[in-house]
N, C-alpha and C. Protein backbone atom coordinates (compact mmCIF):
# COMPACT_ATOMS: atom_id res chain seq x y z
N UNK A 1 0.83 -1.15 -0.03
CA UNK A 1 -0.01 0.01 0.04
C UNK A 1 0.92 1.21 0.01
N UNK A 2 0.57 2.17 -0.86
CA UNK A 2 1.37 3.38 -0.92
C UNK A 2 0.50 4.62 -0.64
N UNK A 3 1.07 5.57 0.10
CA UNK A 3 0.31 6.81 0.43
C UNK A 3 1.05 7.85 -0.37
N UNK A 4 0.21 8.56 -1.27
CA UNK A 4 0.82 9.62 -2.07
C UNK A 4 0.34 10.97 -1.52
N UNK A 5 1.14 11.96 -1.57
CA UNK A 5 0.83 13.28 -1.12
C UNK A 5 0.23 13.94 -2.38
N UNK A 6 -1.09 14.22 -2.33
CA UNK A 6 -1.73 14.89 -3.52
C UNK A 6 -1.14 16.29 -3.59
N UNK A 7 -0.91 16.75 -4.90
CA UNK A 7 -0.32 17.99 -5.18
C UNK A 7 1.13 18.16 -4.76
N UNK A 8 1.77 17.06 -4.52
CA UNK A 8 3.23 17.00 -4.21
C UNK A 8 3.96 15.91 -5.04
N UNK A 9 3.98 16.13 -6.32
CA UNK A 9 4.59 15.11 -7.24
C UNK A 9 6.01 14.92 -6.90
N UNK A 10 6.70 15.84 -6.27
CA UNK A 10 8.08 15.79 -5.85
C UNK A 10 8.43 14.82 -4.69
N UNK A 11 7.37 14.47 -4.02
CA UNK A 11 7.53 13.66 -2.80
C UNK A 11 7.21 12.17 -3.07
N UNK A 12 8.15 11.36 -2.74
CA UNK A 12 7.98 9.87 -3.04
C UNK A 12 6.88 9.36 -2.08
N UNK A 13 6.06 8.42 -2.59
CA UNK A 13 5.01 7.83 -1.77
C UNK A 13 5.61 7.11 -0.53
N UNK A 14 4.78 7.06 0.47
CA UNK A 14 5.12 6.40 1.71
C UNK A 14 4.48 4.98 1.74
N UNK A 15 5.34 4.00 1.98
CA UNK A 15 4.86 2.63 2.02
C UNK A 15 4.21 2.24 3.32
N UNK A 16 3.00 1.61 3.25
CA UNK A 16 2.29 1.18 4.44
C UNK A 16 1.81 -0.25 4.25
N UNK A 17 1.53 -0.97 5.35
CA UNK A 17 0.97 -2.33 5.12
C UNK A 17 -0.46 -2.21 4.57
N UNK A 18 -0.88 -3.34 3.93
CA UNK A 18 -2.19 -3.35 3.28
C UNK A 18 -3.37 -2.94 4.20
N UNK A 19 -3.20 -3.24 5.46
CA UNK A 19 -4.28 -2.97 6.39
C UNK A 19 -4.53 -1.44 6.56
N UNK A 20 -3.63 -0.67 6.08
CA UNK A 20 -3.69 0.79 6.24
C UNK A 20 -4.92 1.30 5.54
N UNK A 21 -5.41 0.59 4.51
CA UNK A 21 -6.64 0.96 3.75
C UNK A 21 -7.82 1.16 4.75
N UNK A 22 -7.83 0.32 5.80
CA UNK A 22 -8.88 0.36 6.85
C UNK A 22 -8.50 1.41 7.93
N UNK A 23 -7.26 1.42 8.26
CA UNK A 23 -6.74 2.26 9.37
C UNK A 23 -6.94 3.82 9.04
N UNK A 24 -6.74 4.13 7.80
CA UNK A 24 -6.76 5.51 7.48
C UNK A 24 -8.03 6.25 7.83
N UNK A 25 -9.14 5.53 7.94
CA UNK A 25 -10.47 6.10 8.41
C UNK A 25 -10.32 6.72 9.77
N UNK A 26 -9.55 6.16 10.62
CA UNK A 26 -9.38 6.72 11.94
C UNK A 26 -8.64 8.04 12.02
N UNK A 27 -7.96 8.37 10.99
CA UNK A 27 -7.15 9.57 10.91
C UNK A 27 -7.76 10.67 10.04
N UNK A 28 -8.67 10.33 9.18
CA UNK A 28 -9.19 11.33 8.25
C UNK A 28 -10.05 12.38 8.97
N UNK A 29 -9.91 13.60 8.40
CA UNK A 29 -10.76 14.71 8.89
C UNK A 29 -12.06 14.70 8.06
N UNK A 30 -13.18 14.87 8.67
CA UNK A 30 -14.48 14.83 7.93
C UNK A 30 -14.48 15.84 6.82
N UNK A 31 -15.04 15.49 5.73
CA UNK A 31 -15.13 16.30 4.50
C UNK A 31 -15.89 17.55 4.69
N UNK A 32 -16.78 17.67 5.72
CA UNK A 32 -17.61 18.83 5.93
C UNK A 32 -16.89 19.84 6.87
N UNK A 33 -15.68 19.48 7.27
CA UNK A 33 -14.96 20.37 8.19
C UNK A 33 -14.46 21.63 7.40
N UNK A 34 -14.52 22.77 7.94
CA UNK A 34 -14.13 24.03 7.22
C UNK A 34 -12.65 23.83 6.66
N UNK A 35 -12.48 24.22 5.49
CA UNK A 35 -11.26 24.16 4.82
C UNK A 35 -10.89 22.78 4.16
N UNK A 36 -11.83 21.88 4.26
CA UNK A 36 -11.59 20.58 3.65
C UNK A 36 -11.61 20.68 2.13
N UNK A 37 -10.62 20.07 1.49
CA UNK A 37 -10.62 20.03 -0.03
C UNK A 37 -11.62 19.07 -0.58
N UNK A 38 -11.85 19.30 -1.88
CA UNK A 38 -12.75 18.30 -2.54
C UNK A 38 -11.86 17.00 -2.70
N UNK A 39 -12.41 15.87 -2.40
CA UNK A 39 -11.61 14.61 -2.37
C UNK A 39 -12.03 13.75 -3.59
N UNK A 40 -11.06 13.11 -4.20
CA UNK A 40 -11.34 12.13 -5.27
C UNK A 40 -11.36 10.75 -4.69
N UNK A 41 -11.46 9.76 -5.54
CA UNK A 41 -11.51 8.35 -5.08
C UNK A 41 -10.21 7.99 -4.30
N UNK A 42 -10.31 7.35 -3.21
CA UNK A 42 -9.19 6.92 -2.36
C UNK A 42 -8.39 8.07 -1.81
N UNK A 43 -8.95 9.20 -1.72
CA UNK A 43 -8.33 10.40 -1.18
C UNK A 43 -8.83 10.73 0.18
N UNK A 44 -7.91 11.27 1.04
CA UNK A 44 -8.28 11.62 2.43
C UNK A 44 -7.61 12.88 2.81
N UNK A 45 -8.20 13.56 3.74
CA UNK A 45 -7.62 14.78 4.24
C UNK A 45 -7.35 14.61 5.70
N UNK A 46 -6.12 14.82 6.18
CA UNK A 46 -5.71 14.71 7.50
C UNK A 46 -5.08 15.98 8.02
N UNK A 47 -5.83 16.72 8.86
CA UNK A 47 -5.27 18.03 9.25
C UNK A 47 -3.91 17.89 9.98
N UNK A 48 -3.02 18.73 9.56
CA UNK A 48 -1.66 18.72 10.01
C UNK A 48 -1.71 18.90 11.58
N UNK A 49 -2.46 19.73 12.12
CA UNK A 49 -2.55 19.96 13.59
C UNK A 49 -2.98 18.69 14.30
N UNK A 50 -3.85 17.87 13.67
CA UNK A 50 -4.27 16.62 14.30
C UNK A 50 -3.11 15.63 14.26
N UNK A 51 -2.36 15.54 13.08
CA UNK A 51 -1.24 14.64 13.00
C UNK A 51 -0.17 14.98 14.07
N UNK A 52 0.06 16.26 14.28
CA UNK A 52 1.03 16.68 15.28
C UNK A 52 0.57 16.17 16.66
N UNK A 53 -0.72 16.44 17.04
CA UNK A 53 -1.19 16.08 18.31
C UNK A 53 -1.11 14.55 18.52
N UNK A 54 -1.45 13.79 17.51
CA UNK A 54 -1.36 12.32 17.69
C UNK A 54 0.06 11.87 17.88
N UNK A 55 1.00 12.53 17.20
CA UNK A 55 2.40 12.19 17.44
C UNK A 55 2.79 12.57 18.86
N UNK A 56 2.44 13.73 19.36
CA UNK A 56 2.73 14.13 20.70
C UNK A 56 2.20 13.24 21.67
N UNK A 57 0.93 12.84 21.50
CA UNK A 57 0.17 11.90 22.47
C UNK A 57 0.46 10.44 22.25
N UNK A 58 0.98 10.12 21.03
CA UNK A 58 1.23 8.71 20.64
C UNK A 58 -0.07 7.84 20.73
N UNK A 59 -1.22 8.51 20.66
CA UNK A 59 -2.45 7.75 20.58
C UNK A 59 -3.47 8.61 19.82
N UNK A 60 -4.58 7.91 19.41
CA UNK A 60 -5.61 8.59 18.63
C UNK A 60 -6.91 8.28 19.40
N UNK A 61 -7.74 9.28 19.54
CA UNK A 61 -9.04 9.18 20.19
C UNK A 61 -10.09 9.01 19.09
N UNK A 62 -10.96 8.00 19.19
CA UNK A 62 -11.99 7.79 18.25
C UNK A 62 -13.34 7.82 18.94
N UNK A 63 -14.38 8.22 18.17
CA UNK A 63 -15.76 8.27 18.68
C UNK A 63 -16.48 7.19 18.17
N UNK A 64 -17.33 6.52 19.01
CA UNK A 64 -18.12 5.39 18.55
C UNK A 64 -19.12 5.82 17.54
N UNK A 65 -19.33 5.14 16.50
CA UNK A 65 -20.42 5.55 15.45
C UNK A 65 -21.74 5.34 16.02
N UNK A 66 -21.86 4.54 17.08
CA UNK A 66 -23.21 4.31 17.65
C UNK A 66 -23.59 5.22 18.76
N UNK A 67 -22.55 5.81 19.39
CA UNK A 67 -22.85 6.68 20.57
C UNK A 67 -21.74 7.79 20.67
N UNK A 68 -22.04 8.94 20.21
CA UNK A 68 -21.06 10.06 20.13
C UNK A 68 -20.50 10.39 21.45
N UNK A 69 -21.08 9.98 22.61
CA UNK A 69 -20.55 10.34 23.95
C UNK A 69 -19.51 9.39 24.38
N UNK A 70 -19.29 8.29 23.71
CA UNK A 70 -18.30 7.29 24.13
C UNK A 70 -17.04 7.42 23.20
N UNK A 71 -15.92 7.65 23.82
CA UNK A 71 -14.66 7.72 23.06
C UNK A 71 -13.78 6.56 23.50
N UNK A 72 -12.91 6.24 22.68
CA UNK A 72 -11.89 5.21 23.00
C UNK A 72 -10.50 5.75 22.44
N UNK A 73 -9.44 5.28 22.94
CA UNK A 73 -8.14 5.68 22.47
C UNK A 73 -7.37 4.38 22.08
N UNK A 74 -6.50 4.57 21.14
CA UNK A 74 -5.62 3.45 20.73
C UNK A 74 -4.28 3.96 20.52
N UNK A 75 -3.29 3.23 20.86
CA UNK A 75 -1.88 3.56 20.63
C UNK A 75 -1.46 3.49 19.21
N UNK A 76 -0.67 4.39 18.73
CA UNK A 76 -0.14 4.28 17.38
C UNK A 76 0.74 3.06 17.21
N UNK A 77 0.59 2.44 16.11
CA UNK A 77 1.53 1.40 15.76
C UNK A 77 2.88 2.06 15.28
N UNK A 78 3.88 1.23 15.13
CA UNK A 78 5.15 1.88 14.57
C UNK A 78 4.96 2.40 13.20
N UNK A 79 4.19 1.64 12.35
CA UNK A 79 3.98 2.09 11.02
C UNK A 79 3.13 3.37 10.99
N UNK A 80 2.10 3.49 11.82
CA UNK A 80 1.28 4.72 11.85
C UNK A 80 2.09 5.86 12.39
N UNK A 81 2.93 5.70 13.34
CA UNK A 81 3.86 6.73 13.83
C UNK A 81 4.82 7.19 12.72
N UNK A 82 5.42 6.34 11.99
CA UNK A 82 6.30 6.70 10.89
C UNK A 82 5.53 7.47 9.80
N UNK A 83 4.32 6.96 9.43
CA UNK A 83 3.52 7.69 8.46
C UNK A 83 3.17 9.11 8.95
N UNK A 84 2.73 9.26 10.20
CA UNK A 84 2.42 10.59 10.72
C UNK A 84 3.62 11.48 10.75
N UNK A 85 4.78 10.92 11.01
CA UNK A 85 6.04 11.75 10.98
C UNK A 85 6.33 12.25 9.58
N UNK A 86 6.07 11.30 8.53
CA UNK A 86 6.23 11.70 7.11
C UNK A 86 5.27 12.83 6.80
N UNK A 87 4.03 12.76 7.27
CA UNK A 87 2.99 13.71 7.01
C UNK A 87 3.47 15.09 7.58
N UNK A 88 3.90 15.11 8.86
CA UNK A 88 4.27 16.29 9.56
C UNK A 88 5.51 16.95 8.92
N UNK A 89 6.58 16.07 8.67
CA UNK A 89 7.82 16.54 8.16
C UNK A 89 7.62 17.21 6.85
N UNK A 90 6.72 16.77 6.00
CA UNK A 90 6.49 17.31 4.65
C UNK A 90 5.24 18.19 4.56
N UNK A 91 4.65 18.39 5.68
CA UNK A 91 3.43 19.22 5.81
C UNK A 91 2.38 18.81 4.82
N UNK A 92 2.11 17.50 4.82
CA UNK A 92 1.14 16.89 3.90
C UNK A 92 -0.22 16.68 4.67
N UNK A 93 -1.28 17.13 4.01
CA UNK A 93 -2.63 16.94 4.60
C UNK A 93 -3.52 16.15 3.63
N UNK A 94 -3.37 16.32 2.39
CA UNK A 94 -4.21 15.70 1.36
C UNK A 94 -3.44 14.43 0.78
N UNK A 95 -4.01 13.31 0.94
CA UNK A 95 -3.41 12.07 0.51
C UNK A 95 -4.29 11.22 -0.32
N UNK A 96 -3.66 10.39 -1.12
CA UNK A 96 -4.31 9.27 -1.82
C UNK A 96 -3.64 7.96 -1.53
N UNK A 97 -4.49 6.93 -1.35
CA UNK A 97 -3.96 5.66 -0.99
C UNK A 97 -4.23 4.69 -2.22
N UNK A 98 -3.13 3.98 -2.56
CA UNK A 98 -3.21 3.09 -3.68
C UNK A 98 -2.38 1.82 -3.48
N UNK A 99 -2.74 0.70 -4.07
CA UNK A 99 -1.95 -0.48 -3.85
C UNK A 99 -0.55 -0.34 -4.53
């Protein structure tokens, strides 16, 4: 699985395990958020400020789709941490995921 920085042809894609296709949903910023770009197929927007916070905390907080009042946290895997570091280092927010 490769993660491409949309609008950054100069940046080599970041390699991730195949399961990242499911994991990326935990990190994406909702499309109705102010400033969200128009997304194409297999594209996601991850706000840079969120990526920085997750790296600082080394965990991600998720909200239950069945009950918005219940949150859970999970620790970043090594691969997720490396991917977020790549995002922050290159100031990438708009990505496309492809095999």
